PDB file of all heavy atoms in Angstrom:
ATOM      1  N   THR A   1       0.846  -1.199   0.000  1.00  0.00           N
ATOM      2  CA  THR A   1       0.000   0.000   0.000  1.00  0.00           C
ATOM      3  C   THR A   1       0.877   1.243   0.000  1.00  0.00           C
ATOM      4  O   THR A   1       1.622   1.484   0.948  1.00  0.00           O
ATOM      5  CB  THR A   1      -0.923   0.010   1.232  1.00  0.00           C
ATOM      6  OG1 THR A   1      -1.740  -1.174   1.217  1.00  0.00           O
ATOM      7  CG2 THR A   1      -1.816   1.238   1.235  1.00  0.00           C
ATOM      8  N   ARG A   2       0.775   2.006  -1.052  1.00  0.00           N
ATOM      9  CA  ARG A   2       1.629   3.194  -1.229  1.00  0.00           C
ATOM     10  C   ARG A   2       0.821   4.455  -0.980  1.00  0.00           C
ATOM     11  O   ARG A   2      -0.159   4.738  -1.677  1.00  0.00           O
ATOM     12  CB  ARG A   2       2.220   3.216  -2.631  1.00  0.00           C
ATOM     13  CG  ARG A   2       3.085   4.448  -2.940  1.00  0.00           C
ATOM     14  CD  ARG A   2       3.784   4.304  -4.285  1.00  0.00           C
ATOM     15  NE  ARG A   2       2.843   4.184  -5.382  1.00  0.00           N
ATOM     16  CZ  ARG A   2       2.333   5.221  -6.061  1.00  0.00           C
ATOM     17  NH1 ARG A   2       2.674   6.464  -5.714  1.00  0.00           N
ATOM     18  NH2 ARG A   2       1.506   5.011  -7.060  1.00  0.00           N
ATOM     19  N   ALA A   3       1.230   5.226   0.014  1.00  0.00           N
ATOM     20  CA  ALA A   3       0.584   6.506   0.292  1.00  0.00           C
ATOM     21  C   ALA A   3       0.943   7.491  -0.814  1.00  0.00           C
ATOM     22  O   ALA A   3       2.103   7.608  -1.210  1.00  0.00           O
ATOM     23  CB  ALA A   3       1.022   7.040   1.647  1.00  0.00           C
ATOM     24  N   THR A   4      -0.047   8.197  -1.325  1.00  0.00           N
ATOM     25  CA  THR A   4       0.173   9.147  -2.423  1.00  0.00           C
ATOM     26  C   THR A   4      -0.074  10.591  -2.020  1.00  0.00           C
ATOM     27  O   THR A   4       0.304  11.506  -2.751  1.00  0.00           O
ATOM     28  CB  THR A   4      -0.733   8.799  -3.614  1.00  0.00           C
ATOM     29  OG1 THR A   4      -2.101   8.798  -3.177  1.00  0.00           O
ATOM     30  CG2 THR A   4      -0.385   7.423  -4.176  1.00  0.00           C
ATOM     31  N   GLY A   5      -0.714  10.809  -0.888  1.00  0.00           N
ATOM     32  CA  GLY A   5      -0.976  12.172  -0.455  1.00  0.00           C
ATOM     33  C   GLY A   5      -1.663  12.209   0.886  1.00  0.00           C
ATOM     34  O   GLY A   5      -2.162  11.196   1.394  1.00  0.00           O
ATOM     35  N   LEU A   6      -1.648  13.387   1.486  1.00  0.00           N
ATOM     36  CA  LEU A   6      -2.309  13.604   2.770  1.00  0.00           C
ATOM     37  C   LEU A   6      -3.645  14.297   2.538  1.00  0.00           C
ATOM     38  O   LEU A   6      -3.769  15.154   1.662  1.00  0.00           O
ATOM     39  CB  LEU A   6      -1.430  14.460   3.681  1.00  0.00           C
ATOM     40  CG  LEU A   6      -0.074  13.837   4.061  1.00  0.00           C
ATOM     41  CD1 LEU A   6       0.826  14.884   4.722  1.00  0.00           C
ATOM     42  CD2 LEU A   6      -0.278  12.647   4.994  1.00  0.00           C
ATOM     43  N   VAL A   7      -4.631  13.924   3.316  1.00  0.00           N
ATOM     44  CA  VAL A   7      -5.956  14.531   3.229  1.00  0.00           C
ATOM     45  C   VAL A   7      -6.060  15.608   4.302  1.00  0.00           C
ATOM     46  O   VAL A   7      -5.847  15.328   5.491  1.00  0.00           O
ATOM     47  CB  VAL A   7      -7.065  13.476   3.414  1.00  0.00           C
ATOM     48  CG1 VAL A   7      -8.444  14.140   3.278  1.00  0.00           C
ATOM     49  CG2 VAL A   7      -6.913  12.351   2.403  1.00  0.00           C
ATOM     50  N   VAL A   8      -6.358  16.823   3.886  1.00  0.00           N
ATOM     51  CA  VAL A   8      -6.416  17.955   4.807  1.00  0.00           C
ATOM     52  C   VAL A   8      -7.811  18.556   4.786  1.00  0.00           C
ATOM     53  O   VAL A   8      -8.398  18.767   3.718  1.00  0.00           O
ATOM     54  CB  VAL A   8      -5.376  19.027   4.425  1.00  0.00           C
ATOM     55  CG1 VAL A   8      -5.410  20.189   5.413  1.00  0.00           C
ATOM     56  CG2 VAL A   8      -3.977  18.423   4.366  1.00  0.00           C
ATOM     57  N   GLU A   9      -8.340  18.843   5.957  1.00  0.00           N
ATOM     58  CA  GLU A   9      -9.657  19.483   6.076  1.00  0.00           C
ATOM     59  C   GLU A   9      -9.587  20.542   7.155  1.00  0.00           C
ATOM     60  O   GLU A   9      -9.210  20.253   8.301  1.00  0.00           O
ATOM     61  CB  GLU A   9     -10.709  18.428   6.419  1.00  0.00           C
ATOM     62  CG  GLU A   9     -12.135  18.961   6.426  1.00  0.00           C
ATOM     63  CD  GLU A   9     -13.133  17.856   6.693  1.00  0.00           C
ATOM     64  OE1 GLU A   9     -13.374  17.058   5.758  1.00  0.00           O
ATOM     65  OE2 GLU A   9     -13.644  17.780   7.834  1.00  0.00           O
ATOM     66  N   ASP A  10      -9.907  21.775   6.790  1.00  0.00           N
ATOM     67  CA  ASP A  10      -9.858  22.906   7.725  1.00  0.00           C
ATOM     68  C   ASP A  10      -8.494  23.032   8.396  1.00  0.00           C
ATOM     69  O   ASP A  10      -8.382  23.302   9.606  1.00  0.00           O
ATOM     70  CB  ASP A  10     -10.953  22.767   8.785  1.00  0.00           C
ATOM     71  CG  ASP A  10     -12.355  22.808   8.191  1.00  0.00           C
ATOM     72  OD1 ASP A  10     -12.533  23.508   7.173  1.00  0.00           O
ATOM     73  OD2 ASP A  10     -13.252  22.135   8.730  1.00  0.00           O
ATOM     74  N   GLY A  11      -7.427  22.801   7.617  1.00  0.00           N
ATOM     75  CA  GLY A  11      -6.061  22.961   8.116  1.00  0.00           C
ATOM     76  C   GLY A  11      -5.534  21.788   8.906  1.00  0.00           C
ATOM     77  O   GLY A  11      -4.383  21.825   9.368  1.00  0.00           O
ATOM     78  N   ARG A  12      -6.334  20.735   9.080  1.00  0.00           N
ATOM     79  CA  ARG A  12      -5.928  19.577   9.863  1.00  0.00           C
ATOM     80  C   ARG A  12      -5.786  18.364   8.955  1.00  0.00           C
ATOM     81  O   ARG A  12      -6.610  18.132   8.064  1.00  0.00           O
ATOM     82  CB  ARG A  12      -6.954  19.281  10.956  1.00  0.00           C
ATOM     83  CG  ARG A  12      -6.615  18.074  11.816  1.00  0.00           C
ATOM     84  CD  ARG A  12      -7.714  17.754  12.833  1.00  0.00           C
ATOM     85  NE  ARG A  12      -7.328  16.611  13.640  1.00  0.00           N
ATOM     86  CZ  ARG A  12      -6.619  16.675  14.746  1.00  0.00           C
ATOM     87  NH1 ARG A  12      -6.226  17.863  15.194  1.00  0.00           N
ATOM     88  NH2 ARG A  12      -6.283  15.593  15.425  1.00  0.00           N
ATOM     89  N   VAL A  13      -4.732  17.574   9.190  1.00  0.00           N
ATOM     90  CA  VAL A  13      -4.569  16.321   8.450  1.00  0.00           C
ATOM     91  C   VAL A  13      -5.543  15.305   9.039  1.00  0.00           C
ATOM     92  O   VAL A  13      -5.505  14.999  10.237  1.00  0.00           O
ATOM     93  CB  VAL A  13      -3.123  15.805   8.544  1.00  0.00           C
ATOM     94  CG1 VAL A  13      -3.013  14.420   7.918  1.00  0.00           C
ATOM     95  CG2 VAL A  13      -2.171  16.769   7.839  1.00  0.00           C
ATOM     96  N   ILE A  14      -6.438  14.801   8.174  1.00  0.00           N
ATOM     97  CA  ILE A  14      -7.459  13.859   8.657  1.00  0.00           C
ATOM     98  C   ILE A  14      -7.347  12.484   8.000  1.00  0.00           C
ATOM     99  O   ILE A  14      -8.178  11.613   8.247  1.00  0.00           O
ATOM    100  CB  ILE A  14      -8.872  14.408   8.401  1.00  0.00           C
ATOM    101  CG1 ILE A  14      -9.108  14.591   6.885  1.00  0.00           C
ATOM    102  CG2 ILE A  14      -9.089  15.714   9.166  1.00  0.00           C
ATOM    103  CD1 ILE A  14     -10.572  14.777   6.522  1.00  0.00           C
ATOM    104  N   GLY A  15      -6.304  12.300   7.187  1.00  0.00           N
ATOM    105  CA  GLY A  15      -6.169  10.988   6.578  1.00  0.00           C
ATOM    106  C   GLY A  15      -5.126  10.936   5.488  1.00  0.00           C
ATOM    107  O   GLY A  15      -4.337  11.870   5.299  1.00  0.00           O
ATOM    108  N   VAL A  16      -5.153   9.818   4.762  1.00  0.00           N
ATOM    109  CA  VAL A  16      -4.153   9.525   3.736  1.00  0.00           C
ATOM    110  C   VAL A  16      -4.848   8.993   2.498  1.00  0.00           C
ATOM    111  O   VAL A  16      -5.798   8.197   2.590  1.00  0.00           O
ATOM    112  CB  VAL A  16      -3.154   8.458   4.258  1.00  0.00           C
ATOM    113  CG1 VAL A  16      -2.173   8.057   3.164  1.00  0.00           C
ATOM    114  CG2 VAL A  16      -2.402   8.963   5.477  1.00  0.00           C
ATOM    115  N   GLU A  17      -4.381   9.412   1.342  1.00  0.00           N
ATOM    116  CA  GLU A  17      -4.781   8.785   0.083  1.00  0.00           C
ATOM    117  C   GLU A  17      -3.692   7.795  -0.307  1.00  0.00           C
ATOM    118  O   GLU A  17      -2.495   8.069  -0.134  1.00  0.00           O
ATOM    119  CB  GLU A  17      -4.971   9.829  -1.003  1.00  0.00           C
ATOM    120  CG  GLU A  17      -6.176  10.734  -0.759  1.00  0.00           C
ATOM    121  CD  GLU A  17      -6.377  11.742  -1.873  1.00  0.00           C
ATOM    122  OE1 GLU A  17      -5.382  12.031  -2.592  1.00  0.00           O
ATOM    123  OE2 GLU A  17      -7.508  12.242  -2.020  1.00  0.00           O
ATOM    124  N   ALA A  18      -4.106   6.645  -0.832  1.00  0.00           N
ATOM    125  CA  ALA A  18      -3.133   5.595  -1.121  1.00  0.00           C
ATOM    126  C   ALA A  18      -3.615   4.716  -2.259  1.00  0.00           C
ATOM    127  O   ALA A  18      -4.780   4.769  -2.668  1.00  0.00           O
ATOM    128  CB  ALA A  18      -2.895   4.740   0.125  1.00  0.00           C
ATOM    129  N   VAL A  19      -2.690   3.920  -2.766  1.00  0.00           N
ATOM    130  CA  VAL A  19      -2.991   2.878  -3.736  1.00  0.00           C
ATOM    131  C   VAL A  19      -2.600   1.558  -3.094  1.00  0.00           C
ATOM    132  O   VAL A  19      -1.471   1.410  -2.615  1.00  0.00           O
ATOM    133  CB  VAL A  19      -2.220   3.089  -5.053  1.00  0.00           C
ATOM    134  CG1 VAL A  19      -2.465   1.920  -6.008  1.00  0.00           C
ATOM    135  CG2 VAL A  19      -2.627   4.395  -5.711  1.00  0.00           C
ATOM    136  N   THR A  20      -3.513   0.609  -3.067  1.00  0.00           N
ATOM    137  CA  THR A  20      -3.261  -0.645  -2.361  1.00  0.00           C
ATOM    138  C   THR A  20      -3.515  -1.856  -3.236  1.00  0.00           C
ATOM    139  O   THR A  20      -4.359  -1.832  -4.139  1.00  0.00           O
ATOM    140  CB  THR A  20      -4.132  -0.746  -1.092  1.00  0.00           C
ATOM    141  OG1 THR A  20      -3.784  -1.934  -0.381  1.00  0.00           O
ATOM    142  CG2 THR A  20      -5.621  -0.750  -1.433  1.00  0.00           C
ATOM    143  N   LEU A  21      -2.784  -2.916  -2.956  1.00  0.00           N
ATOM    144  CA  LEU A  21      -3.005  -4.216  -3.600  1.00  0.00           C
ATOM    145  C   LEU A  21      -3.797  -5.138  -2.681  1.00  0.00           C
ATOM    146  O   LEU A  21      -3.873  -6.347  -2.914  1.00  0.00           O
ATOM    147  CB  LEU A  21      -1.657  -4.871  -3.940  1.00  0.00           C
ATOM    148  CG  LEU A  21      -0.784  -4.142  -4.954  1.00  0.00           C
ATOM    149  CD1 LEU A  21       0.573  -4.822  -5.067  1.00  0.00           C
ATOM    150  CD2 LEU A  21      -1.462  -4.093  -6.317  1.00  0.00           C
ATOM    151  N   ASP A  22      -4.396  -4.564  -1.668  1.00  0.00           N
ATOM    152  CA  ASP A  22      -5.077  -5.368  -0.657  1.00  0.00           C
ATOM    153  C   ASP A  22      -6.168  -6.260  -1.263  1.00  0.00           C
ATOM    154  O   ASP A  22      -6.399  -7.363  -0.796  1.00  0.00           O
ATOM    155  CB  ASP A  22      -5.691  -4.444   0.392  1.00  0.00           C
ATOM    156  CG  ASP A  22      -6.093  -5.189   1.653  1.00  0.00           C
ATOM    157  OD1 ASP A  22      -5.292  -6.006   2.125  1.00  0.00           O
ATOM    158  OD2 ASP A  22      -7.202  -4.952   2.145  1.00  0.00           O
ATOM    159  N   GLY A  23      -6.840  -5.785  -2.307  1.00  0.00           N
ATOM    160  CA  GLY A  23      -7.910  -6.573  -2.910  1.00  0.00           C
ATOM    161  C   GLY A  23      -7.498  -7.330  -4.155  1.00  0.00           C
ATOM    162  O   GLY A  23      -8.347  -7.934  -4.836  1.00  0.00           O
ATOM    163  N   ALA A  24      -6.196  -7.326  -4.483  1.00  0.00           N
ATOM    164  CA  ALA A  24      -5.713  -8.008  -5.680  1.00  0.00           C
ATOM    165  C   ALA A  24      -5.735  -9.518  -5.481  1.00  0.00           C
ATOM    166  O   ALA A  24      -5.713 -10.012  -4.343  1.00  0.00           O
ATOM    167  CB  ALA A  24      -4.304  -7.537  -6.018  1.00  0.00           C
TER     168      ALA A  24
END
């Protein structure tokens, strides 16, 4: 699972965007 970016909402990091092989 490769993280591709951070998710930001109202100036706060609330998560991660990623690409995963978890369902492959």
